[in-house]
N, C-alpha and C. Protein backbone atom coordinates (compact mmCIF):
# COMPACT_ATOMS: atom_id res chain seq x y z
N MET A 1 151.53 116.75 74.80
CA MET A 1 151.76 115.87 73.64
C MET A 1 151.97 116.67 72.37
N ALA A 2 151.27 117.80 72.24
CA ALA A 2 151.44 118.64 71.05
C ALA A 2 152.87 119.12 70.94
N THR A 3 153.46 119.50 72.09
CA THR A 3 154.86 119.93 72.09
C THR A 3 155.76 118.80 71.65
N PHE A 4 155.45 117.58 72.12
CA PHE A 4 156.25 116.41 71.73
C PHE A 4 156.18 116.19 70.23
N VAL A 5 154.99 116.28 69.66
CA VAL A 5 154.81 116.07 68.22
C VAL A 5 155.59 117.11 67.42
N LYS A 6 155.57 118.35 67.89
CA LYS A 6 156.33 119.41 67.23
C LYS A 6 157.82 119.18 67.38
N ASP A 7 158.26 118.77 68.58
CA ASP A 7 159.67 118.48 68.81
C ASP A 7 160.14 117.32 67.94
N LEU A 8 159.28 116.32 67.80
CA LEU A 8 159.60 115.17 66.95
C LEU A 8 159.86 115.63 65.52
N TYR A 9 158.99 116.49 65.03
CA TYR A 9 159.16 117.03 63.68
C TYR A 9 160.48 117.78 63.55
N GLU A 10 160.78 118.61 64.52
CA GLU A 10 162.00 119.43 64.45
C GLU A 10 163.25 118.57 64.51
N ILE A 11 163.22 117.52 65.33
CA ILE A 11 164.37 116.61 65.39
C ILE A 11 164.59 115.93 64.04
N LEU A 12 163.51 115.45 63.45
CA LEU A 12 163.63 114.76 62.16
C LEU A 12 164.09 115.73 61.06
N PHE A 13 163.54 116.93 61.07
CA PHE A 13 163.92 117.90 60.04
C PHE A 13 165.38 118.32 60.20
N ASN A 14 165.81 118.54 61.44
CA ASN A 14 167.20 118.94 61.67
C ASN A 14 168.18 117.81 61.33
N THR A 15 167.70 116.58 61.42
CA THR A 15 168.56 115.43 61.11
C THR A 15 168.61 115.14 59.62
N PHE A 16 167.45 115.10 58.98
CA PHE A 16 167.37 114.65 57.58
C PHE A 16 167.24 115.79 56.58
N GLY A 17 166.78 116.96 57.03
CA GLY A 17 166.59 118.07 56.11
C GLY A 17 165.34 117.92 55.27
N ASN A 18 165.15 118.85 54.35
CA ASN A 18 163.98 118.84 53.47
C ASN A 18 164.03 117.63 52.53
N GLN A 19 162.92 116.90 52.47
CA GLN A 19 162.85 115.69 51.65
C GLN A 19 162.36 115.95 50.23
N TYR A 20 161.89 117.17 49.96
CA TYR A 20 161.43 117.57 48.62
C TYR A 20 160.42 116.56 48.06
N TRP A 21 159.42 116.28 48.87
CA TRP A 21 158.41 115.29 48.51
C TRP A 21 157.06 115.98 48.38
N TRP A 22 156.36 115.76 47.33
CA TRP A 22 156.35 114.72 46.32
C TRP A 22 157.19 115.13 45.13
N PRO A 23 158.08 114.27 44.64
CA PRO A 23 158.95 114.68 43.53
C PRO A 23 158.22 114.68 42.19
N VAL A 24 158.32 115.78 41.46
CA VAL A 24 157.78 115.85 40.10
C VAL A 24 158.82 116.53 39.21
N ASP A 25 158.77 116.23 37.95
CA ASP A 25 159.69 116.83 36.98
C ASP A 25 159.09 118.14 36.47
N THR A 26 159.30 119.21 37.21
CA THR A 26 158.70 120.50 36.85
C THR A 26 159.21 121.01 35.51
N HIS A 27 160.48 120.77 35.22
CA HIS A 27 161.04 121.22 33.93
C HIS A 27 160.30 120.55 32.78
N TYR A 28 160.04 119.27 32.91
CA TYR A 28 159.32 118.53 31.88
C TYR A 28 157.93 119.12 31.66
N HIS A 29 157.24 119.41 32.74
CA HIS A 29 155.87 119.91 32.62
C HIS A 29 155.83 121.32 32.04
N LEU A 30 156.81 122.14 32.36
CA LEU A 30 156.88 123.47 31.77
C LEU A 30 157.09 123.37 30.26
N LYS A 31 157.95 122.46 29.89
CA LYS A 31 158.25 122.27 28.48
C LYS A 31 157.06 121.71 27.71
N GLN A 32 156.36 120.75 28.33
CA GLN A 32 155.25 120.08 27.67
C GLN A 32 153.92 120.79 27.89
N LYS A 33 153.93 121.82 28.77
CA LYS A 33 152.70 122.53 29.13
C LYS A 33 151.65 121.56 29.70
N SER A 34 152.13 120.64 30.52
CA SER A 34 151.26 119.65 31.16
C SER A 34 151.13 119.97 32.64
N ASP A 35 150.17 119.35 33.29
CA ASP A 35 149.85 119.62 34.69
C ASP A 35 150.59 118.64 35.59
N PRO A 36 151.53 119.12 36.42
CA PRO A 36 152.28 118.20 37.28
C PRO A 36 151.41 117.47 38.29
N ARG A 37 150.23 118.00 38.56
CA ARG A 37 149.34 117.34 39.52
C ARG A 37 148.88 115.98 39.02
N PHE A 38 148.79 115.83 37.70
CA PHE A 38 148.39 114.53 37.18
C PHE A 38 149.51 113.51 37.32
N GLU A 39 150.75 113.97 37.23
CA GLU A 39 151.88 113.07 37.49
C GLU A 39 151.82 112.55 38.93
N ILE A 40 151.45 113.43 39.88
CA ILE A 40 151.34 113.01 41.27
C ILE A 40 150.21 111.99 41.44
N ILE A 41 149.10 112.22 40.77
CA ILE A 41 147.99 111.26 40.83
C ILE A 41 148.44 109.90 40.31
N ILE A 42 149.13 109.92 39.19
CA ILE A 42 149.67 108.66 38.63
C ILE A 42 150.60 108.00 39.63
N GLY A 43 151.52 108.77 40.18
CA GLY A 43 152.49 108.22 41.13
C GLY A 43 151.84 107.66 42.38
N ALA A 44 150.78 108.32 42.85
CA ALA A 44 150.10 107.84 44.06
C ALA A 44 149.46 106.48 43.84
N ILE A 45 149.01 106.22 42.63
CA ILE A 45 148.43 104.91 42.30
C ILE A 45 149.54 103.88 42.07
N LEU A 46 150.58 104.28 41.37
CA LEU A 46 151.65 103.33 41.07
C LEU A 46 152.42 102.89 42.31
N THR A 47 152.47 103.74 43.34
CA THR A 47 153.27 103.41 44.52
C THR A 47 152.56 102.46 45.47
N GLN A 48 151.34 102.09 45.15
CA GLN A 48 150.63 101.12 45.98
C GLN A 48 151.37 99.78 45.99
N ASN A 49 151.71 99.31 47.17
CA ASN A 49 152.34 97.99 47.37
C ASN A 49 153.68 97.84 46.64
N THR A 50 154.44 98.92 46.55
CA THR A 50 155.76 98.80 45.94
C THR A 50 156.66 99.92 46.42
N ALA A 51 157.96 99.79 46.15
CA ALA A 51 158.92 100.82 46.54
C ALA A 51 158.94 101.94 45.51
N TRP A 52 159.28 103.13 45.95
CA TRP A 52 159.29 104.28 45.05
C TRP A 52 160.31 104.13 43.94
N THR A 53 161.40 103.43 44.18
CA THR A 53 162.39 103.22 43.13
C THR A 53 161.78 102.49 41.93
N ASN A 54 160.83 101.60 42.19
CA ASN A 54 160.15 100.91 41.09
C ASN A 54 159.18 101.85 40.37
N VAL A 55 158.54 102.73 41.15
CA VAL A 55 157.62 103.70 40.56
C VAL A 55 158.37 104.65 39.63
N GLU A 56 159.55 105.06 40.03
CA GLU A 56 160.35 105.98 39.21
C GLU A 56 160.61 105.42 37.82
N LYS A 57 160.86 104.12 37.74
CA LYS A 57 161.10 103.48 36.44
C LYS A 57 159.84 103.54 35.58
N ALA A 58 158.70 103.28 36.21
CA ALA A 58 157.44 103.33 35.47
C ALA A 58 157.13 104.75 35.02
N LEU A 59 157.36 105.73 35.90
CA LEU A 59 157.12 107.12 35.54
C LEU A 59 158.02 107.57 34.39
N GLU A 60 159.24 107.10 34.40
CA GLU A 60 160.17 107.45 33.31
C GLU A 60 159.67 106.89 31.99
N ASN A 61 159.14 105.67 32.02
CA ASN A 61 158.57 105.08 30.80
C ASN A 61 157.39 105.92 30.29
N LEU A 62 156.53 106.35 31.21
CA LEU A 62 155.38 107.17 30.82
C LEU A 62 155.83 108.53 30.29
N LYS A 63 156.86 109.07 30.91
CA LYS A 63 157.37 110.36 30.46
C LYS A 63 157.91 110.27 29.03
N LYS A 64 158.65 109.23 28.76
CA LYS A 64 159.21 109.05 27.41
C LYS A 64 158.10 108.94 26.36
N ASN A 65 156.96 108.42 26.79
CA ASN A 65 155.82 108.28 25.88
C ASN A 65 154.84 109.45 26.00
N ARG A 66 155.25 110.50 26.70
CA ARG A 66 154.45 111.72 26.86
C ARG A 66 153.02 111.40 27.32
N ALA A 67 152.96 110.59 28.38
CA ALA A 67 151.66 110.12 28.87
C ALA A 67 151.26 110.78 30.19
N PHE A 68 151.79 111.97 30.45
CA PHE A 68 151.50 112.65 31.70
C PHE A 68 150.34 113.62 31.61
N THR A 69 149.48 113.46 30.61
CA THR A 69 148.24 114.23 30.55
C THR A 69 147.08 113.25 30.47
N ILE A 70 145.92 113.71 30.86
CA ILE A 70 144.74 112.84 30.84
C ILE A 70 144.42 112.38 29.42
N PRO A 71 144.36 113.28 28.41
CA PRO A 71 144.06 112.82 27.04
C PRO A 71 145.10 111.85 26.52
N ALA A 72 146.38 112.12 26.82
CA ALA A 72 147.44 111.24 26.31
C ALA A 72 147.34 109.85 26.92
N LEU A 73 147.06 109.79 28.21
CA LEU A 73 146.95 108.49 28.87
C LEU A 73 145.76 107.69 28.32
N LEU A 74 144.68 108.40 28.03
CA LEU A 74 143.50 107.72 27.52
C LEU A 74 143.68 107.22 26.09
N CYS A 75 144.67 107.77 25.40
CA CYS A 75 144.93 107.34 24.02
C CYS A 75 145.80 106.10 23.94
N ILE A 76 146.43 105.75 25.06
CA ILE A 76 147.30 104.58 25.08
C ILE A 76 146.47 103.32 25.22
N GLN A 77 146.79 102.31 24.48
CA GLN A 77 146.11 101.02 24.64
C GLN A 77 146.48 100.44 26.00
N GLU A 78 145.51 99.80 26.63
CA GLU A 78 145.76 99.29 27.98
C GLU A 78 146.91 98.28 28.00
N LYS A 79 147.05 97.49 26.94
CA LYS A 79 148.15 96.53 26.87
C LYS A 79 149.49 97.26 26.89
N THR A 80 149.57 98.35 26.16
CA THR A 80 150.80 99.14 26.14
C THR A 80 151.05 99.78 27.49
N LEU A 81 149.99 100.29 28.12
CA LEU A 81 150.13 100.91 29.43
C LEU A 81 150.64 99.91 30.46
N ARG A 82 150.16 98.69 30.39
CA ARG A 82 150.63 97.66 31.33
C ARG A 82 152.13 97.45 31.17
N THR A 83 152.60 97.47 29.94
CA THR A 83 154.03 97.28 29.70
C THR A 83 154.84 98.46 30.25
N LEU A 84 154.33 99.66 30.06
CA LEU A 84 155.05 100.85 30.50
C LEU A 84 155.18 100.91 32.02
N ILE A 85 154.15 100.48 32.73
CA ILE A 85 154.18 100.59 34.19
C ILE A 85 154.58 99.28 34.87
N GLN A 86 155.01 98.31 34.10
CA GLN A 86 155.36 97.00 34.65
C GLN A 86 156.35 97.07 35.81
N PRO A 87 157.35 97.97 35.78
CA PRO A 87 158.30 98.01 36.91
C PRO A 87 157.65 98.27 38.26
N SER A 88 156.46 98.86 38.28
CA SER A 88 155.81 99.19 39.56
C SER A 88 155.09 98.01 40.19
N GLY A 89 154.99 96.89 39.46
CA GLY A 89 154.31 95.71 39.99
C GLY A 89 152.79 95.86 39.94
N PHE A 90 152.10 94.73 40.03
CA PHE A 90 150.63 94.72 39.97
C PHE A 90 150.13 95.56 38.79
N PHE A 91 150.83 95.44 37.67
CA PHE A 91 150.61 96.36 36.55
C PHE A 91 149.26 96.17 35.86
N ASN A 92 148.67 94.99 35.96
CA ASN A 92 147.34 94.81 35.38
C ASN A 92 146.30 95.64 36.13
N GLN A 93 146.31 95.53 37.46
CA GLN A 93 145.38 96.30 38.29
C GLN A 93 145.64 97.80 38.16
N LYS A 94 146.90 98.17 38.22
CA LYS A 94 147.24 99.59 38.21
C LYS A 94 146.93 100.24 36.87
N ALA A 95 147.11 99.51 35.79
CA ALA A 95 146.74 100.04 34.47
C ALA A 95 145.25 100.34 34.41
N GLN A 96 144.45 99.42 34.94
CA GLN A 96 143.00 99.63 34.96
C GLN A 96 142.63 100.84 35.82
N ARG A 97 143.31 100.98 36.96
CA ARG A 97 143.02 102.10 37.86
C ARG A 97 143.41 103.43 37.25
N LEU A 98 144.55 103.45 36.55
CA LEU A 98 144.97 104.69 35.89
C LEU A 98 144.00 105.07 34.78
N MET A 99 143.61 104.10 33.99
CA MET A 99 142.66 104.37 32.91
C MET A 99 141.32 104.84 33.48
N PHE A 100 140.92 104.24 34.58
CA PHE A 100 139.63 104.58 35.17
C PHE A 100 139.61 106.01 35.71
N ILE A 101 140.66 106.38 36.48
CA ILE A 101 140.65 107.72 37.06
C ILE A 101 140.84 108.79 35.99
N ALA A 102 141.63 108.48 34.95
CA ALA A 102 141.79 109.43 33.84
C ALA A 102 140.46 109.63 33.12
N SER A 103 139.76 108.53 32.87
CA SER A 103 138.46 108.60 32.20
C SER A 103 137.45 109.35 33.05
N TYR A 104 137.49 109.10 34.36
CA TYR A 104 136.57 109.77 35.28
C TYR A 104 136.80 111.28 35.29
N LEU A 105 138.05 111.69 35.42
CA LEU A 105 138.36 113.12 35.46
C LEU A 105 138.02 113.81 34.14
N GLN A 106 138.19 113.08 33.05
CA GLN A 106 137.85 113.64 31.74
C GLN A 106 136.34 113.79 31.61
N LYS A 107 135.61 112.77 32.02
CA LYS A 107 134.16 112.78 31.86
C LYS A 107 133.48 113.76 32.82
N GLN A 108 133.92 113.76 34.09
CA GLN A 108 133.25 114.57 35.10
C GLN A 108 133.73 116.02 35.14
N TYR A 109 135.00 116.25 34.78
CA TYR A 109 135.58 117.59 34.92
C TYR A 109 136.24 118.09 33.64
N ASN A 110 136.00 117.38 32.55
CA ASN A 110 136.62 117.75 31.28
C ASN A 110 138.14 117.84 31.41
N GLY A 111 138.70 117.01 32.27
CA GLY A 111 140.14 116.98 32.47
C GLY A 111 140.70 118.18 33.24
N ASP A 112 139.83 118.99 33.83
CA ASP A 112 140.25 120.21 34.52
C ASP A 112 140.54 119.88 35.99
N LEU A 113 141.80 119.71 36.34
CA LEU A 113 142.17 119.37 37.71
C LEU A 113 141.92 120.52 38.67
N GLN A 114 142.01 121.74 38.17
CA GLN A 114 141.74 122.89 39.03
C GLN A 114 140.30 122.86 39.52
N GLU A 115 139.39 122.53 38.63
CA GLU A 115 137.98 122.43 39.03
C GLU A 115 137.80 121.31 40.04
N PHE A 116 138.45 120.19 39.80
CA PHE A 116 138.34 119.05 40.70
C PHE A 116 138.85 119.39 42.09
N PHE A 117 140.03 120.00 42.17
CA PHE A 117 140.65 120.27 43.47
C PHE A 117 140.10 121.51 44.15
N SER A 118 139.27 122.28 43.47
CA SER A 118 138.69 123.48 44.06
C SER A 118 137.51 123.18 44.98
N GLN A 119 137.10 121.94 45.02
CA GLN A 119 135.99 121.55 45.88
C GLN A 119 136.43 121.44 47.34
N ASP A 120 135.44 121.29 48.20
CA ASP A 120 135.71 121.10 49.63
C ASP A 120 136.51 119.82 49.85
N THR A 121 137.42 119.87 50.80
CA THR A 121 138.31 118.74 51.06
C THR A 121 137.54 117.45 51.32
N SER A 122 136.54 117.51 52.18
CA SER A 122 135.79 116.29 52.51
C SER A 122 135.04 115.74 51.31
N ASP A 123 134.57 116.63 50.43
CA ASP A 123 133.86 116.18 49.23
C ASP A 123 134.80 115.45 48.28
N ILE A 124 135.99 116.01 48.08
CA ILE A 124 136.98 115.36 47.20
C ILE A 124 137.39 114.02 47.80
N HIS A 125 137.57 114.01 49.11
CA HIS A 125 138.00 112.78 49.79
C HIS A 125 137.00 111.66 49.55
N GLN A 126 135.73 111.95 49.76
CA GLN A 126 134.70 110.93 49.55
C GLN A 126 134.61 110.53 48.08
N GLU A 127 134.78 111.50 47.20
CA GLU A 127 134.73 111.21 45.77
C GLU A 127 135.87 110.28 45.36
N LEU A 128 137.06 110.56 45.86
CA LEU A 128 138.21 109.71 45.53
C LEU A 128 138.02 108.30 46.08
N LEU A 129 137.50 108.19 47.30
CA LEU A 129 137.30 106.87 47.90
C LEU A 129 136.25 106.05 47.16
N SER A 130 135.40 106.73 46.42
CA SER A 130 134.36 106.02 45.66
C SER A 130 134.90 105.43 44.36
N LEU A 131 136.13 105.82 44.00
CA LEU A 131 136.70 105.37 42.73
C LEU A 131 137.43 104.04 42.90
N GLN A 132 137.43 103.28 41.83
CA GLN A 132 138.05 101.96 41.82
C GLN A 132 139.52 102.02 42.20
N GLY A 133 139.91 101.25 43.23
CA GLY A 133 141.32 101.11 43.58
C GLY A 133 141.91 102.25 44.37
N ILE A 134 141.06 103.17 44.87
CA ILE A 134 141.56 104.29 45.65
C ILE A 134 141.17 104.09 47.11
N GLY A 135 142.18 103.87 47.96
CA GLY A 135 141.96 103.74 49.39
C GLY A 135 142.34 105.02 50.11
N PRO A 136 142.26 105.03 51.44
CA PRO A 136 142.53 106.25 52.22
C PRO A 136 143.92 106.84 51.98
N GLU A 137 144.95 106.01 51.98
CA GLU A 137 146.31 106.54 51.79
C GLU A 137 146.49 107.17 50.42
N THR A 138 146.01 106.50 49.38
CA THR A 138 146.12 107.03 48.03
C THR A 138 145.31 108.31 47.88
N ALA A 139 144.09 108.30 48.42
CA ALA A 139 143.23 109.48 48.34
C ALA A 139 143.86 110.67 49.03
N ASP A 140 144.41 110.45 50.22
CA ASP A 140 144.99 111.56 50.97
C ASP A 140 146.31 112.03 50.37
N SER A 141 147.06 111.12 49.76
CA SER A 141 148.28 111.53 49.05
C SER A 141 147.93 112.45 47.89
N ILE A 142 146.88 112.11 47.17
CA ILE A 142 146.42 112.94 46.05
C ILE A 142 145.93 114.29 46.58
N LEU A 143 145.16 114.26 47.66
CA LEU A 143 144.63 115.49 48.23
C LEU A 143 145.73 116.42 48.71
N LEU A 144 146.70 115.87 49.44
CA LEU A 144 147.75 116.70 50.03
C LEU A 144 148.76 117.17 48.99
N TYR A 145 149.32 116.24 48.24
CA TYR A 145 150.45 116.58 47.38
C TYR A 145 150.04 117.13 46.01
N ALA A 146 148.93 116.67 45.48
CA ALA A 146 148.47 117.20 44.20
C ALA A 146 147.50 118.36 44.39
N GLY A 147 146.62 118.27 45.40
CA GLY A 147 145.59 119.27 45.56
C GLY A 147 145.86 120.33 46.60
N ASN A 148 146.96 120.15 47.39
CA ASN A 148 147.27 121.11 48.46
C ASN A 148 146.12 121.29 49.44
N HIS A 149 145.54 120.15 49.83
CA HIS A 149 144.51 120.16 50.87
C HIS A 149 145.13 119.67 52.18
N PRO A 150 144.71 120.26 53.32
CA PRO A 150 145.34 119.94 54.60
C PRO A 150 144.89 118.60 55.20
N VAL A 151 145.45 117.52 54.70
CA VAL A 151 145.18 116.20 55.27
C VAL A 151 146.52 115.52 55.55
N PHE A 152 146.61 114.85 56.68
CA PHE A 152 147.85 114.17 57.06
C PHE A 152 147.82 112.75 56.52
N VAL A 153 148.80 112.39 55.73
CA VAL A 153 148.86 111.06 55.11
C VAL A 153 149.45 110.05 56.09
N VAL A 154 148.79 108.93 56.21
CA VAL A 154 149.25 107.84 57.07
C VAL A 154 149.56 106.63 56.21
N ASP A 155 150.71 106.03 56.44
CA ASP A 155 151.05 104.80 55.72
C ASP A 155 151.60 103.77 56.71
N ALA A 156 152.07 102.65 56.18
CA ALA A 156 152.57 101.59 57.05
C ALA A 156 153.79 102.05 57.85
N TYR A 157 154.60 102.92 57.25
CA TYR A 157 155.76 103.45 57.97
C TYR A 157 155.33 104.26 59.18
N THR A 158 154.32 105.11 58.99
CA THR A 158 153.82 105.94 60.08
C THR A 158 153.28 105.06 61.21
N LYS A 159 152.54 104.04 60.85
CA LYS A 159 151.98 103.15 61.86
C LYS A 159 153.07 102.45 62.66
N ARG A 160 154.13 102.03 61.97
CA ARG A 160 155.23 101.35 62.67
C ARG A 160 155.88 102.28 63.69
N ILE A 161 156.11 103.52 63.30
CA ILE A 161 156.74 104.48 64.20
C ILE A 161 155.82 104.79 65.38
N CYS A 162 154.54 104.92 65.12
CA CYS A 162 153.58 105.20 66.20
C CYS A 162 153.57 104.09 67.24
N ARG A 163 153.79 102.86 66.80
CA ARG A 163 153.82 101.74 67.75
C ARG A 163 155.08 101.77 68.60
N ARG A 164 156.15 102.39 68.10
CA ARG A 164 157.42 102.38 68.81
C ARG A 164 157.66 103.64 69.63
N LEU A 165 156.94 104.69 69.33
CA LEU A 165 157.08 105.92 70.08
C LEU A 165 155.96 106.05 71.10
N PRO A 166 156.15 106.84 72.12
CA PRO A 166 155.08 107.04 73.10
C PRO A 166 154.04 108.04 72.61
N LEU A 167 153.39 107.71 71.50
CA LEU A 167 152.35 108.57 70.95
C LEU A 167 150.99 108.03 71.37
N SER A 168 150.19 108.87 71.93
CA SER A 168 148.92 108.42 72.53
C SER A 168 147.79 108.37 71.51
N THR A 169 148.00 107.64 70.43
CA THR A 169 146.92 107.40 69.49
C THR A 169 145.94 106.40 70.11
N THR A 170 144.68 106.55 69.79
CA THR A 170 143.67 105.70 70.42
C THR A 170 143.69 104.28 69.87
N SER A 171 144.20 104.11 68.64
CA SER A 171 144.29 102.78 68.06
C SER A 171 145.30 102.81 66.92
N ASP A 172 145.43 101.68 66.25
CA ASP A 172 146.36 101.56 65.13
C ASP A 172 145.67 101.86 63.79
N SER A 173 144.44 102.35 63.84
CA SER A 173 143.70 102.55 62.60
C SER A 173 144.18 103.81 61.87
N TYR A 174 143.93 103.83 60.58
CA TYR A 174 144.32 104.97 59.75
C TYR A 174 143.69 106.25 60.27
N ASP A 175 142.39 106.23 60.48
CA ASP A 175 141.65 107.43 60.89
C ASP A 175 142.12 107.97 62.23
N ASP A 176 142.38 107.08 63.19
CA ASP A 176 142.79 107.53 64.52
C ASP A 176 144.19 108.16 64.49
N ILE A 177 145.10 107.56 63.75
CA ILE A 177 146.45 108.12 63.65
C ILE A 177 146.41 109.46 62.93
N GLN A 178 145.63 109.54 61.87
CA GLN A 178 145.50 110.79 61.14
C GLN A 178 144.92 111.89 62.03
N HIS A 179 143.85 111.55 62.75
CA HIS A 179 143.23 112.52 63.65
C HIS A 179 144.21 112.98 64.72
N PHE A 180 145.02 112.05 65.24
CA PHE A 180 145.99 112.39 66.27
C PHE A 180 146.96 113.46 65.78
N PHE A 181 147.58 113.22 64.63
CA PHE A 181 148.56 114.17 64.11
C PHE A 181 147.91 115.50 63.75
N GLU A 182 146.76 115.46 63.10
CA GLU A 182 146.10 116.70 62.71
C GLU A 182 145.68 117.51 63.94
N HIS A 183 145.17 116.83 64.95
CA HIS A 183 144.73 117.51 66.16
C HIS A 183 145.91 118.12 66.91
N GLU A 184 146.97 117.36 67.08
CA GLU A 184 148.12 117.85 67.83
C GLU A 184 148.82 119.00 67.10
N LEU A 185 148.96 118.87 65.81
CA LEU A 185 149.64 119.92 65.04
C LEU A 185 148.81 121.18 64.93
N SER A 186 147.48 121.04 64.97
CA SER A 186 146.63 122.23 64.85
C SER A 186 146.81 123.18 66.02
N SER A 187 147.27 122.68 67.14
CA SER A 187 147.43 123.52 68.32
C SER A 187 148.80 124.20 68.40
N CYS A 188 149.71 123.81 67.51
CA CYS A 188 151.05 124.40 67.59
C CYS A 188 151.59 124.86 66.24
N ILE A 189 150.84 124.64 65.17
CA ILE A 189 151.27 125.07 63.84
C ILE A 189 150.22 126.02 63.28
N PRO A 190 150.63 127.23 62.85
CA PRO A 190 149.65 128.15 62.23
C PRO A 190 148.98 127.52 61.03
N GLU A 191 147.73 127.88 60.79
CA GLU A 191 146.96 127.27 59.72
C GLU A 191 147.66 127.37 58.37
N LYS A 192 148.28 128.51 58.08
CA LYS A 192 148.93 128.70 56.79
C LYS A 192 150.16 127.81 56.60
N GLU A 193 150.66 127.24 57.71
CA GLU A 193 151.85 126.38 57.64
C GLU A 193 151.50 124.90 57.66
N ARG A 194 150.24 124.56 57.80
CA ARG A 194 149.88 123.15 58.00
C ARG A 194 150.12 122.30 56.77
N ILE A 195 149.77 122.80 55.60
CA ILE A 195 149.95 121.99 54.40
C ILE A 195 151.43 121.65 54.17
N PRO A 196 152.35 122.64 54.14
CA PRO A 196 153.76 122.28 53.97
C PRO A 196 154.29 121.42 55.12
N THR A 197 153.78 121.63 56.33
CA THR A 197 154.22 120.82 57.46
C THR A 197 153.75 119.38 57.31
N TYR A 198 152.49 119.19 56.92
CA TYR A 198 151.98 117.84 56.69
C TYR A 198 152.81 117.12 55.63
N LYS A 199 153.12 117.83 54.56
CA LYS A 199 153.91 117.22 53.48
C LYS A 199 155.28 116.78 53.98
N GLU A 200 155.95 117.69 54.67
CA GLU A 200 157.30 117.39 55.13
C GLU A 200 157.31 116.35 56.24
N TYR A 201 156.34 116.44 57.14
CA TYR A 201 156.29 115.51 58.28
C TYR A 201 156.13 114.08 57.78
N HIS A 202 155.20 113.88 56.86
CA HIS A 202 154.99 112.54 56.32
C HIS A 202 156.26 112.01 55.67
N ALA A 203 156.91 112.84 54.86
CA ALA A 203 158.13 112.42 54.18
C ALA A 203 159.24 112.09 55.17
N LEU A 204 159.34 112.85 56.24
CA LEU A 204 160.37 112.62 57.25
C LEU A 204 160.12 111.32 58.01
N LEU A 205 158.85 111.02 58.31
CA LEU A 205 158.53 109.76 58.98
C LEU A 205 158.86 108.57 58.10
N VAL A 206 158.61 108.71 56.81
CA VAL A 206 158.97 107.64 55.87
C VAL A 206 160.49 107.45 55.86
N ARG A 207 161.22 108.56 55.82
CA ARG A 207 162.69 108.49 55.82
C ARG A 207 163.20 107.80 57.09
N LEU A 208 162.66 108.16 58.25
CA LEU A 208 163.07 107.54 59.51
C LEU A 208 162.76 106.05 59.51
N ALA A 209 161.57 105.70 59.06
CA ALA A 209 161.16 104.30 59.07
C ALA A 209 162.07 103.46 58.17
N LYS A 210 162.33 103.96 56.98
CA LYS A 210 163.17 103.21 56.05
C LYS A 210 164.59 103.04 56.59
N GLN A 211 165.10 104.08 57.23
CA GLN A 211 166.49 104.07 57.67
C GLN A 211 166.68 103.32 58.99
N ASN A 212 165.72 103.45 59.90
CA ASN A 212 165.95 102.93 61.25
C ASN A 212 164.87 102.00 61.79
N CYS A 213 163.63 102.17 61.35
CA CYS A 213 162.54 101.61 62.13
C CYS A 213 161.68 100.57 61.42
N TRP A 214 161.97 100.25 60.16
CA TRP A 214 161.04 99.41 59.43
C TRP A 214 161.17 97.94 59.79
N LYS A 215 162.39 97.48 60.02
CA LYS A 215 162.58 96.06 60.33
C LYS A 215 162.01 95.73 61.70
N LYS A 216 161.73 94.43 61.90
CA LYS A 216 161.17 93.99 63.17
C LYS A 216 162.09 94.37 64.31
N LYS A 217 163.40 94.24 64.09
CA LYS A 217 164.38 94.71 65.06
C LYS A 217 164.94 96.01 64.54
N PRO A 218 164.57 97.14 65.14
CA PRO A 218 164.98 98.44 64.61
C PRO A 218 166.47 98.69 64.77
N SER A 219 166.98 99.59 63.96
CA SER A 219 168.38 100.02 64.04
C SER A 219 168.41 101.29 64.89
N CYS A 220 168.71 101.13 66.16
CA CYS A 220 168.58 102.24 67.11
C CYS A 220 169.89 103.01 67.34
N ASP A 221 171.02 102.43 66.97
CA ASP A 221 172.30 103.06 67.31
C ASP A 221 172.44 104.45 66.72
N ASP A 222 172.00 104.63 65.46
CA ASP A 222 172.14 105.94 64.81
C ASP A 222 170.81 106.65 64.63
N CYS A 223 169.80 106.23 65.39
CA CYS A 223 168.48 106.82 65.27
C CYS A 223 168.42 108.16 66.01
N PRO A 224 167.93 109.20 65.37
CA PRO A 224 167.85 110.51 66.03
C PRO A 224 166.85 110.55 67.17
N LEU A 225 166.00 109.52 67.27
CA LEU A 225 164.99 109.49 68.32
C LEU A 225 165.30 108.48 69.42
N CYS A 226 166.55 108.03 69.49
CA CYS A 226 166.87 106.92 70.39
C CYS A 226 166.55 107.24 71.85
N THR A 227 166.59 108.51 72.23
CA THR A 227 166.27 108.84 73.62
C THR A 227 164.77 108.92 73.88
N LEU A 228 163.98 108.97 72.84
CA LEU A 228 162.53 109.08 72.96
C LEU A 228 161.83 107.75 72.76
N CYS A 229 162.42 106.91 71.95
CA CYS A 229 161.73 105.69 71.51
C CYS A 229 161.70 104.66 72.62
N GLU A 230 160.60 103.92 72.69
CA GLU A 230 160.47 102.85 73.68
C GLU A 230 161.22 101.59 73.25
N LYS A 231 161.67 101.57 71.99
CA LYS A 231 162.47 100.46 71.47
C LYS A 231 161.76 99.12 71.70
N LEU A 232 160.57 99.03 71.21
CA LEU A 232 159.84 97.77 71.32
C LEU A 232 160.38 96.79 70.30
N LEU A 233 160.95 95.73 70.77
CA LEU A 233 161.59 94.75 69.87
C LEU A 233 160.67 93.56 69.65
C-alpha cells in the first residue's frame, strides 16, 4: 500500500505539476517587513466553509489596509474587519476568530510566531485546538504551511477521494485518514522530504477533487487515476 500511495503522488504530480501551495505574497511581506506566516494563519481561518477564490478577495482587502501583522489587525475595529473579509462568507464569526487568535498570539507570545512554532508539534496542535473556531483541518493547515511541522492535512476533498480509491483507511474520520497517509509515506519518503511532500500531496488531492472527483458523479474520462479508481457512483 505504501508503494501505491507513493505512485498516486507521482501520478498526480506528473499530471498537475507543482501547485505552489500555500500561496503568499512574499514580495509584499519583504517590502512591509511583515511575517508571511501570519497571512497563512489568516487564510486558514478565512477558507473555512468557502472557496479559495473568495478568500483571495478578502486577503486583498486586508493587504490594502496593511492588516497582515498581529498589531495591525488588532488595531482594526471589528466592524471594519467584518467588512474587509466579507467576501469569504461567515464574516461575523471569522472576524471574531481572527481577532481572538491575533490577541492570543500577542498576549501569550508577544506576537512572536517563531517562538510559537518552535514548540513541539503535538503541543502546538493541542494549543490551536483549544482556541475558538480552530478545528483539526485549520490547526493542521497552520502547523504544516505556516509552521513547517510534519502533519498531513485532511479535508473534505481528501475524504471524497479516499472513498473512491482503494485506500485501506480504517474509517472516514479525520484522524484515521491522516494516520494512514502519514504512516504509509513514512515508509517510503525520507524524513527530510516529508514536509514538502505533505504540502504538495494535499494540494494535488485538492486539485484532483476539484477537477474530477468532487461531484456525486465524478468526471472520469480525463482523470489521471481512471485505471486505479473504483469509480463509485
